Protein backbone atom coordinates (compact mmCIF):
# COMPACT_ATOMS: atom_id res chain seq x y z
CA UNK A 1 30.81 -6.36 15.94
CA UNK A 2 30.13 -10.07 14.64
CA UNK A 3 26.71 -11.22 13.47
CA UNK A 4 26.60 -14.85 13.91
CA UNK A 5 23.98 -16.68 11.99
CA UNK A 6 23.60 -20.44 11.99
CA UNK A 7 22.98 -22.20 8.33
CA UNK A 8 19.50 -22.59 9.03
CA UNK A 9 18.49 -19.20 9.85
CA UNK A 10 20.42 -17.85 6.88
CA UNK A 11 18.54 -20.27 4.71
CA UNK A 12 15.30 -19.42 6.03
CA UNK A 13 16.22 -15.68 5.31
CA UNK A 14 17.07 -16.42 2.07
CA UNK A 15 14.11 -18.51 1.13
CA UNK A 16 12.02 -15.20 2.40
CA UNK A 17 13.82 -12.83 0.36
CA UNK A 18 13.24 -15.19 -2.63
CA UNK A 19 9.78 -15.83 -1.81
CA UNK A 20 9.25 -11.47 -1.79
CA UNK A 21 11.17 -11.39 -4.76
CA UNK A 22 9.15 -14.00 -6.56
CA UNK A 23 6.17 -12.33 -5.26
CA UNK A 24 7.25 -8.93 -6.68
CA UNK A 25 8.06 -10.45 -10.11
CA UNK A 26 4.60 -12.13 -10.26
CA UNK A 27 2.77 -8.86 -9.51
CA UNK A 28 4.52 -6.97 -12.32
CA UNK A 29 3.99 -9.80 -14.79
CA UNK A 30 0.34 -9.66 -13.73
CA UNK A 31 0.52 -5.60 -14.29
CA UNK A 32 2.30 -6.06 -17.64
CA UNK A 33 -0.33 -8.58 -18.62
CA UNK A 34 -3.21 -6.16 -17.61
CA UNK A 35 -1.88 -3.58 -19.49
CA UNK A 36 -1.31 -5.64 -22.74
CA UNK A 37 -4.98 -6.72 -22.39
CA UNK A 38 -5.99 -3.19 -22.42
CA UNK A 39 -3.81 -2.28 -25.27
CA UNK A 40 -5.12 -5.06 -27.28
CA UNK A 41 -8.91 -4.11 -26.49
CA UNK A 42 -8.07 -0.24 -27.29
CA UNK A 43 -6.80 -1.57 -30.42
CA UNK A 44 -9.59 -3.63 -31.49
CA UNK A 45 -11.93 -0.78 -30.65
CA UNK A 46 -9.83 1.56 -32.90
CA UNK A 47 -10.12 -0.83 -35.40
CA UNK A 48 -14.09 -0.77 -35.19
CA UNK A 49 -14.20 2.86 -35.72
CA UNK A 50 -15.15 3.92 -39.42
CA UNK A 51 -12.18 5.22 -41.35
CA UNK A 52 -13.27 9.01 -41.11
CA UNK A 53 -13.41 8.50 -37.50
CA UNK A 54 -9.96 6.95 -37.31
CA UNK A 55 -8.60 9.74 -39.38
CA UNK A 56 -9.82 12.22 -36.96
CA UNK A 57 -8.64 10.25 -33.72
CA UNK A 58 -5.28 9.85 -35.15
CA UNK A 59 -4.58 13.13 -35.83
CA UNK A 60 -1.43 14.54 -33.94
CA UNK A 61 -1.83 15.99 -30.89
CA UNK A 62 -0.50 19.43 -30.24
CA UNK A 63 2.70 19.54 -28.34
């Protein structure tokens, strides 16, 4: 079986694949940014707690 593909079709397919990969990368970057913003917000909230509350919040969790 021989698959014939014109250079135009091959270029079109490669552009589609590249576009899909760029879209997936952008999606992953957005997820990373959202998680980073959430982490920053949680850290700011934790720092705003009184020292006593921080002491109880930071106690090790049972395994």
